[in-house]
C-alpha atoms as a PDB file:
ATOM      1  CA  MET A   1      14.359   3.696  14.234  1.00  0.00           C
ATOM      2  CA  PHE A   2      13.562   2.225  10.859  1.00  0.00           C
ATOM      3  CA  PRO A   3      15.309  -0.907   9.627  1.00  0.00           C
ATOM      4  CA  SER A   4      18.753  -0.691   7.968  1.00  0.00           C
ATOM      5  CA  MET A   5      19.043  -1.413   4.343  1.00  0.00           C
ATOM      6  CA  PRO A   6      19.146  -5.143   3.608  1.00  0.00           C
ATOM      7  CA  GLY A   7      22.057  -6.671   1.687  1.00  0.00           C
ATOM      8  CA  PRO A   8      22.032  -7.248  -2.039  1.00  0.00           C
ATOM      9  CA  GLY A   9      20.983 -10.874  -1.765  1.00  0.00           C
ATOM     10  CA  THR A  10      18.115  -9.965   0.527  1.00  0.00           C
ATOM     11  CA  ASN A  11      17.119  -7.193  -1.924  1.00  0.00           C
ATOM     12  CA  ARG A  12      16.863  -9.617  -4.845  1.00  0.00           C
ATOM     13  CA  SER A  13      14.839 -12.194  -2.905  1.00  0.00           C
ATOM     14  CA  LEU A  14      12.408  -9.690  -1.475  1.00  0.00           C
ATOM     15  CA  TRP A  15      11.806  -7.913  -4.714  1.00  0.00           C
ATOM     16  CA  ALA A  16      11.479 -11.146  -6.682  1.00  0.00           C
ATOM     17  CA  ILE A  17       8.683 -12.124  -4.360  1.00  0.00           C
ATOM     18  CA  PHE A  18       7.325  -8.584  -4.584  1.00  0.00           C
ATOM     19  CA  ALA A  19       7.257  -8.643  -8.388  1.00  0.00           C
ATOM     20  CA  ALA A  20       5.722 -12.120  -8.360  1.00  0.00           C
ATOM     21  CA  LEU A  21       2.843 -10.868  -6.239  1.00  0.00           C
ATOM     22  CA  ALA A  22       2.396  -7.918  -8.553  1.00  0.00           C
ATOM     23  CA  ILE A  23       2.109 -10.270 -11.514  1.00  0.00           C
ATOM     24  CA  CYS A  24      -0.599 -12.131  -9.526  1.00  0.00           C
ATOM     25  CA  LEU A  25      -2.405  -8.837  -9.248  1.00  0.00           C
ATOM     26  CA  LEU A  26      -2.176  -8.326 -13.007  1.00  0.00           C
ATOM     27  CA  ALA A  27      -3.579 -11.829 -13.578  1.00  0.00           C
ATOM     28  CA  GLY A  28      -6.134 -11.868 -10.753  1.00  0.00           C
ATOM     29  CA  GLY A  29      -7.035  -8.187 -11.006  1.00  0.00           C
ATOM     30  CA  ASP A  30     -10.409  -7.680  -9.513  1.00  0.00           C
ATOM     31  CA  ALA A  31     -10.453 -10.724  -7.281  1.00  0.00           C
ATOM     32  CA  LEU A  32      -7.216  -9.842  -5.495  1.00  0.00           C
ATOM     33  CA  ALA A  33      -7.153  -6.081  -5.638  1.00  0.00           C
ATOM     34  CA  HIS A  34     -10.613  -4.624  -5.225  1.00  0.00           C
ATOM     35  CA  GLY A  35     -12.703  -7.581  -4.139  1.00  0.00           C
ATOM     36  CA  VAL A  36     -15.753  -6.663  -2.025  1.00  0.00           C
ATOM     37  CA  THR A  37     -17.820  -9.342  -0.407  1.00  0.00           C
ATOM     38  CA  GLU A  38     -21.355  -9.873  -1.756  1.00  0.00           C
ATOM     39  CA  GLY A  39     -22.740  -8.843   1.593  1.00  0.00           C
ATOM     40  CA  ASP A  40     -20.931  -5.512   1.564  1.00  0.00           C
ATOM     41  CA  LYS A  41     -21.917  -4.952  -2.101  1.00  0.00           C
ATOM     42  CA  GLY A  42     -25.552  -5.596  -1.386  1.00  0.00           C
ATOM     43  CA  TYR A  43     -25.521  -3.392   1.700  1.00  0.00           C
ATOM     44  CA  ILE A  44     -24.014  -0.484  -0.275  1.00  0.00           C
ATOM     45  CA  GLN A  45     -26.674  -0.823  -2.986  1.00  0.00           C
ATOM     46  CA  GLU A  46     -29.607  -1.005  -0.481  1.00  0.00           C
ATOM     47  CA  ILE A  47     -28.914   1.778   1.967  1.00  0.00           C
ATOM     48  CA  THR A  48     -29.875   5.409   1.423  1.00  0.00           C
ATOM     49  CA  GLY A  49     -29.295   8.649   3.303  1.00  0.00           C
ATOM     50  CA  LEU A  50     -26.479   9.478   5.731  1.00  0.00           C
ATOM     51  CA  ASN A  51     -24.577   6.365   6.835  1.00  0.00           C
ATOM     52  CA  LEU A  52     -21.227   7.676   8.023  1.00  0.00           C
ATOM     53  CA  ILE A  53     -20.164   4.835  10.357  1.00  0.00           C
ATOM     54  CA  PRO A  54     -20.903   2.030   7.805  1.00  0.00           C
ATOM     55  CA  PHE A  55     -18.994   3.802   5.058  1.00  0.00           C
ATOM     56  CA  LEU A  56     -16.146   4.573   7.441  1.00  0.00           C
ATOM     57  CA  TYR A  57     -15.917   0.853   8.173  1.00  0.00           C
ATOM     58  CA  LEU A  58     -16.136  -0.237   4.570  1.00  0.00           C
ATOM     59  CA  GLY A  59     -13.381   2.183   3.602  1.00  0.00           C
ATOM     60  CA  ALA A  60     -11.027   0.905   6.311  1.00  0.00           C
ATOM     61  CA  LYS A  61     -11.926  -2.686   5.433  1.00  0.00           C
ATOM     62  CA  HIS A  62     -11.217  -2.122   1.746  1.00  0.00           C
ATOM     63  CA  MET A  63      -7.789  -0.665   2.358  1.00  0.00           C
ATOM     64  CA  VAL A  64      -6.708  -3.310   4.860  1.00  0.00           C
ATOM     65  CA  THR A  65      -7.774  -6.097   2.528  1.00  0.00           C
ATOM     66  CA  GLY A  66      -6.677  -4.335  -0.660  1.00  0.00           C
ATOM     67  CA  TYR A  67      -3.491  -6.205  -1.495  1.00  0.00           C
ATOM     68  CA  ASP A  68      -2.612  -3.868  -4.409  1.00  0.00           C
ATOM     69  CA  HIS A  69      -2.599  -0.806  -2.133  1.00  0.00           C
ATOM     70  CA  ILE A  70      -0.676  -2.545   0.615  1.00  0.00           C
ATOM     71  CA  LEU A  71       2.001  -3.891  -1.819  1.00  0.00           C
ATOM     72  CA  PHE A  72       2.524  -0.421  -3.345  1.00  0.00           C
ATOM     73  CA  LEU A  73       2.625   1.165   0.092  1.00  0.00           C
ATOM     74  CA  PHE A  74       5.169  -1.435   1.243  1.00  0.00           C
ATOM     75  CA  GLY A  75       7.333  -0.587  -1.784  1.00  0.00           C
ATOM     76  CA  VAL A  76       7.088   3.121  -1.112  1.00  0.00           C
ATOM     77  CA  VAL A  77       8.279   2.898   2.463  1.00  0.00           C
ATOM     78  CA  PHE A  78      10.743   0.031   2.157  1.00  0.00           C
ATOM     79  CA  PHE A  79      13.899   2.197   1.918  1.00  0.00           C
ATOM     80  CA  LEU A  80      12.714   5.160   3.944  1.00  0.00           C
ATOM     81  CA  TYR A  81      14.495   5.660   7.263  1.00  0.00           C
ATOM     82  CA  ARG A  82      12.978   8.813   8.705  1.00  0.00           C
ATOM     83  CA  LEU A  83       9.447   9.270   9.885  1.00  0.00           C
ATOM     84  CA  LYS A  84       9.297  12.631   8.157  1.00  0.00           C
ATOM     85  CA  HIS A  85       9.995  11.036   4.762  1.00  0.00           C
ATOM     86  CA  VAL A  86       7.476   8.236   5.446  1.00  0.00           C
ATOM     87  CA  GLY A  87       4.945  10.918   6.176  1.00  0.00           C
ATOM     88  CA  ILE A  88       5.690  12.849   2.951  1.00  0.00           C
ATOM     89  CA  TYR A  89       5.371   9.848   0.676  1.00  0.00           C
ATOM     90  CA  VAL A  90       2.317   8.357   2.360  1.00  0.00           C
ATOM     91  CA  SER A  91       0.668  11.782   2.208  1.00  0.00           C
ATOM     92  CA  LEU A  92       1.376  12.057  -1.493  1.00  0.00           C
ATOM     93  CA  PHE A  93      -0.202   8.610  -2.085  1.00  0.00           C
ATOM     94  CA  ALA A  94      -3.214   9.624   0.085  1.00  0.00           C
ATOM     95  CA  ILE A  95      -3.682  12.899  -1.776  1.00  0.00           C
ATOM     96  CA  GLY A  96      -3.612  11.064  -5.075  1.00  0.00           C
ATOM     97  CA  HIS A  97      -6.035   8.301  -4.330  1.00  0.00           C
ATOM     98  CA  SER A  98      -8.351  10.554  -2.270  1.00  0.00           C
ATOM     99  CA  THR A  99      -8.681  13.096  -5.089  1.00  0.00           C
ATOM    100  CA  THR A 100      -9.580  10.652  -7.868  1.00  0.00           C
ATOM    101  CA  MET A 101     -11.782   8.477  -5.610  1.00  0.00           C
ATOM    102  CA  LEU A 102     -13.909  11.394  -4.538  1.00  0.00           C
ATOM    103  CA  ALA A 103     -14.016  13.179  -7.864  1.00  0.00           C
ATOM    104  CA  GLY A 104     -14.517   9.913  -9.774  1.00  0.00           C
ATOM    105  CA  VAL A 105     -17.604   8.897  -7.837  1.00  0.00           C
ATOM    106  CA  PHE A 106     -19.056  12.368  -7.252  1.00  0.00           C
ATOM    107  CA  PHE A 107     -18.763  13.375 -10.904  1.00  0.00           C
ATOM    108  CA  ASP A 108     -19.398   9.840 -12.191  1.00  0.00           C
ATOM    109  CA  ILE A 109     -16.168   9.586 -14.127  1.00  0.00           C
ATOM    110  CA  GLY A 110     -16.373   6.087 -15.488  1.00  0.00           C
ATOM    111  CA  LEU A 111     -13.170   4.391 -16.551  1.00  0.00           C
ATOM    112  CA  ASN A 112     -12.394   0.884 -17.776  1.00  0.00           C
ATOM    113  CA  ALA A 113     -12.006  -1.189 -14.623  1.00  0.00           C
ATOM    114  CA  TYR A 114      -9.710  -3.772 -16.265  1.00  0.00           C
ATOM    115  CA  LEU A 115      -7.381  -1.004 -17.551  1.00  0.00           C
ATOM    116  CA  ILE A 116      -7.216   0.647 -14.144  1.00  0.00           C
ATOM    117  CA  ASP A 117      -6.531  -2.722 -12.378  1.00  0.00           C
ATOM    118  CA  ALA A 118      -3.741  -3.404 -14.931  1.00  0.00           C
ATOM    119  CA  ILE A 119      -2.138   0.047 -14.271  1.00  0.00           C
ATOM    120  CA  ILE A 120      -2.369  -0.573 -10.541  1.00  0.00           C
ATOM    121  CA  GLY A 121      -0.663  -3.926 -10.882  1.00  0.00           C
ATOM    122  CA  LEU A 122       1.999  -2.331 -13.015  1.00  0.00           C
ATOM    123  CA  SER A 123       2.539   0.289 -10.249  1.00  0.00           C
ATOM    124  CA  VAL A 124       3.630  -2.436  -7.952  1.00  0.00           C
ATOM    125  CA  VAL A 125       6.048  -3.795 -10.544  1.00  0.00           C
ATOM    126  CA  TYR A 126       7.354  -0.248 -11.242  1.00  0.00           C
ATOM    127  CA  LYS A 127       8.049   0.318  -7.541  1.00  0.00           C
ATOM    128  CA  ALA A 128       9.844  -2.961  -7.269  1.00  0.00           C
ATOM    129  CA  LEU A 129      12.073  -2.110 -10.221  1.00  0.00           C
ATOM    130  CA  ASP A 130      12.585   1.437  -8.910  1.00  0.00           C
ATOM    131  CA  ASN A 131      13.701   0.143  -5.490  1.00  0.00           C
ATOM    132  CA  LEU A 132      16.133  -2.220  -7.192  1.00  0.00           C
ATOM    133  CA  GLY A 133      17.698   0.671  -9.117  1.00  0.00           C
ATOM    134  CA  ALA A 134      16.627  -0.900 -12.450  1.00  0.00           C
ATOM    135  CA  PHE A 135      15.816   2.372 -14.242  1.00  0.00           C
ATOM    136  CA  GLN A 136      19.163   3.874 -13.339  1.00  0.00           C
ATOM    137  CA  ARG A 137      21.043   0.815 -14.633  1.00  0.00           C
ATOM    138  CA  TRP A 138      18.957   0.386 -17.754  1.00  0.00           C
ATOM    139  CA  PHE A 139      18.329   3.982 -18.882  1.00  0.00           C
ATOM    140  CA  GLY A 140      20.800   6.057 -16.884  1.00  0.00           C
ATOM    141  CA  VAL A 141      18.044   8.116 -15.290  1.00  0.00           C
ATOM    142  CA  GLN A 142      16.260   8.043 -11.950  1.00  0.00           C
ATOM    143  CA  PRO A 143      12.556   8.959 -12.140  1.00  0.00           C
ATOM    144  CA  SER A 144      11.131  11.217  -9.462  1.00  0.00           C
ATOM    145  CA  THR A 145       9.912   8.872  -6.715  1.00  0.00           C
ATOM    146  CA  LYS A 146       7.615  11.556  -5.277  1.00  0.00           C
ATOM    147  CA  ALA A 147       5.979  12.264  -8.649  1.00  0.00           C
ATOM    148  CA  ALA A 148       5.493   8.533  -9.276  1.00  0.00           C
ATOM    149  CA  THR A 149       3.928   8.063  -5.829  1.00  0.00           C
ATOM    150  CA  LEU A 150       1.480  10.847  -6.530  1.00  0.00           C
ATOM    151  CA  VAL A 151       0.589   9.784 -10.028  1.00  0.00           C
ATOM    152  CA  PHE A 152       0.100   6.120  -9.118  1.00  0.00           C
ATOM    153  CA  GLY A 153      -1.909   7.282  -6.164  1.00  0.00           C
ATOM    154  CA  LEU A 154      -4.269   8.895  -8.701  1.00  0.00           C
ATOM    155  CA  PHE A 155      -4.718   5.585 -10.459  1.00  0.00           C
ATOM    156  CA  HIS A 156      -5.239   3.703  -7.215  1.00  0.00           C
ATOM    157  CA  GLY A 157      -8.008   6.251  -6.436  1.00  0.00           C
ATOM    158  CA  PHE A 158      -9.691   5.528  -9.791  1.00  0.00           C
ATOM    159  CA  GLY A 159      -9.537   1.883  -8.795  1.00  0.00           C
ATOM    160  CA  LEU A 160     -11.642   2.659  -5.811  1.00  0.00           C
ATOM    161  CA  SER A 161     -14.079   4.966  -7.654  1.00  0.00           C
ATOM    162  CA  THR A 162     -14.741   2.589 -10.504  1.00  0.00           C
ATOM    163  CA  LYS A 163     -15.918  -0.058  -8.012  1.00  0.00           C
ATOM    164  CA  LEU A 164     -18.061   2.342  -6.081  1.00  0.00           C
ATOM    165  CA  ILE A 165     -19.643   3.628  -9.301  1.00  0.00           C
ATOM    166  CA  ASP A 166     -20.548   0.070 -10.171  1.00  0.00           C
ATOM    167  CA  TYR A 167     -22.417  -0.254  -6.868  1.00  0.00           C
ATOM    168  CA  ASP A 168     -24.703   2.649  -7.830  1.00  0.00           C
ATOM    169  CA  ILE A 169     -24.606   4.399  -4.441  1.00  0.00           C
ATOM    170  CA  ALA A 170     -27.742   6.307  -3.626  1.00  0.00           C
ATOM    171  CA  PRO A 171     -27.334  10.114  -4.295  1.00  0.00           C
ATOM    172  CA  ASP A 172     -28.963  10.947  -1.000  1.00  0.00           C
ATOM    173  CA  GLY A 173     -26.136  11.700   1.332  1.00  0.00           C
ATOM    174  CA  LEU A 174     -23.559  10.807  -1.279  1.00  0.00           C
ATOM    175  CA  LEU A 175     -20.854  13.391  -0.484  1.00  0.00           C
ATOM    176  CA  PRO A 176     -20.788  12.881   3.305  1.00  0.00           C
ATOM    177  CA  ASN A 177     -20.798   9.050   2.801  1.00  0.00           C
ATOM    178  CA  LEU A 178     -17.866   9.384   0.267  1.00  0.00           C
ATOM    179  CA  LEU A 179     -15.953  11.501   2.743  1.00  0.00           C
ATOM    180  CA  ALA A 180     -16.582   8.951   5.532  1.00  0.00           C
ATOM    181  CA  PHE A 181     -15.470   6.180   3.163  1.00  0.00           C
ATOM    182  CA  ASN A 182     -12.307   8.092   2.340  1.00  0.00           C
ATOM    183  CA  ILE A 183     -11.534   8.697   6.004  1.00  0.00           C
ATOM    184  CA  GLY A 184     -11.978   4.977   6.591  1.00  0.00           C
ATOM    185  CA  VAL A 185      -9.548   4.308   3.725  1.00  0.00           C
ATOM    186  CA  GLU A 186      -6.988   6.597   5.382  1.00  0.00           C
ATOM    187  CA  ILE A 187      -7.472   4.855   8.770  1.00  0.00           C
ATOM    188  CA  GLY A 188      -6.983   1.523   7.021  1.00  0.00           C
ATOM    189  CA  GLN A 189      -3.903   2.874   5.339  1.00  0.00           C
ATOM    190  CA  LEU A 190      -2.458   3.938   8.728  1.00  0.00           C
ATOM    191  CA  LEU A 191      -3.162   0.544  10.221  1.00  0.00           C
ATOM    192  CA  ALA A 192      -1.521  -1.196   7.196  1.00  0.00           C
ATOM    193  CA  LEU A 193       1.473   1.157   7.449  1.00  0.00           C
ATOM    194  CA  ALA A 194       1.876   0.458  11.118  1.00  0.00           C
ATOM    195  CA  ALA A 195       1.849  -3.300  10.473  1.00  0.00           C
ATOM    196  CA  ILE A 196       4.394  -2.923   7.698  1.00  0.00           C
ATOM    197  CA  LEU A 197       6.827  -0.859   9.762  1.00  0.00           C
ATOM    198  CA  ILE A 198       6.491  -3.108  12.771  1.00  0.00           C
ATOM    199  CA  ALA A 199       7.184  -6.162  10.622  1.00  0.00           C
ATOM    200  CA  MET A 200      10.165  -4.486   8.969  1.00  0.00           C
ATOM    201  CA  ALA A 201      11.576  -3.361  12.316  1.00  0.00           C
ATOM    202  CA  SER A 202      11.070  -6.791  13.816  1.00  0.00           C
ATOM    203  CA  GLY A 203      12.869  -8.446  10.939  1.00  0.00           C
ATOM    204  CA  ASP A 204      15.776  -5.954  11.223  1.00  0.00           C
ATOM    205  CA  ALA A 205      16.069  -6.551  15.018  1.00  0.00           C
ATOM    206  CA  ARG A 206      16.107 -10.306  14.464  1.00  0.00           C
ATOM    207  CA  ARG A 207      18.852 -10.010  11.802  1.00  0.00           C
ATOM    208  CA  ALA A 208      20.864  -7.781  14.114  1.00  0.00           C
ATOM    209  CA  LEU A 209      20.562 -10.280  16.946  1.00  0.00           C
ATOM    210  CA  LEU A 210      21.619 -13.157  14.764  1.00  0.00           C
ATOM    211  CA  ALA A 211      24.592 -11.162  13.520  1.00  0.00           C
ATOM    212  CA  MET A 212      25.908 -10.460  17.003  1.00  0.00           C
ATOM    213  CA  PRO A 213      29.201 -12.208  17.733  1.00  0.00           C
ATOM    214  CA  THR A 214      29.062 -15.004  20.249  1.00  0.00           C
ATOM    215  CA  SER A 215      31.705 -16.357  22.558  1.00  0.00           C
ATOM    216  CA  PRO A 216      31.707 -19.747  24.249  1.00  0.00           C
ATOM    217  CA  THR A 217      33.229 -18.203  27.312  1.00  0.00           C
ATOM    218  CA  PRO A 218      31.805 -14.923  28.690  1.00  0.00           C
ATOM    219  CA  PRO A 219      34.559 -12.340  29.170  1.00  0.00           C
ATOM    220  CA  LEU A 220      33.884 -11.850  32.870  1.00  0.00           C
ATOM    221  CA  CYS A 221      34.347 -15.567  33.538  1.00  0.00           C
ATOM    222  CA  ALA A 222      37.555 -15.932  31.576  1.00  0.00           C
ATOM    223  CA  PRO A 223      39.924 -14.898  34.389  1.00  0.00           C
ATOM    224  CA  ALA A 224      38.321 -17.352  36.831  1.00  0.00           C
ATOM    225  CA  LEU A 225      38.810 -20.222  34.380  1.00  0.00           C
ATOM    226  CA  SER A 226      42.409 -19.352  33.394  1.00  0.00           C
END
């Protein structure tokens, strides 16, 4: 089972932290969101031909260490209670970022990296406000959460593609290597999702345990002591 909805006070605290982290993304941008170690960068630039396993690993590593993706994913699944719904939203996000990542690199669609990073940071802020019901209160409308997940997934994919284009990947074996990288990204996303759900479930179980009523005298012992 997925965790029950936290109380209003918990909501405000969690999303205040969430929004603060998003602002850090906007300020730190490249360093926090799409940072790739110099060793990985050099390796990508030097290798040629078919390298499925290395690209699979690099894709998974990028997703697991990509704080922007993880924060947005956390916001997407925070109030979802059924595995079916989690699957739908995560699939929409995956379709979005996979499409633009593959198309962006393969067709060399160059976009301004700073603009894309800013939009990705704003996507985290948007999701925090959406989960708090801010748009409904401020404007009297509730934007489509599915459409927003897909659209922001497209921008997250461009975030990946702009970095890969900068690394000037060898054209030899480009498509298979990109597919391997994308599969690695999806594996990393599943690992991150599992960690998020486990953490949320653990926190919910702990709150439920602390909320259980306690009695100084167990009921079965009461007759013996009366």
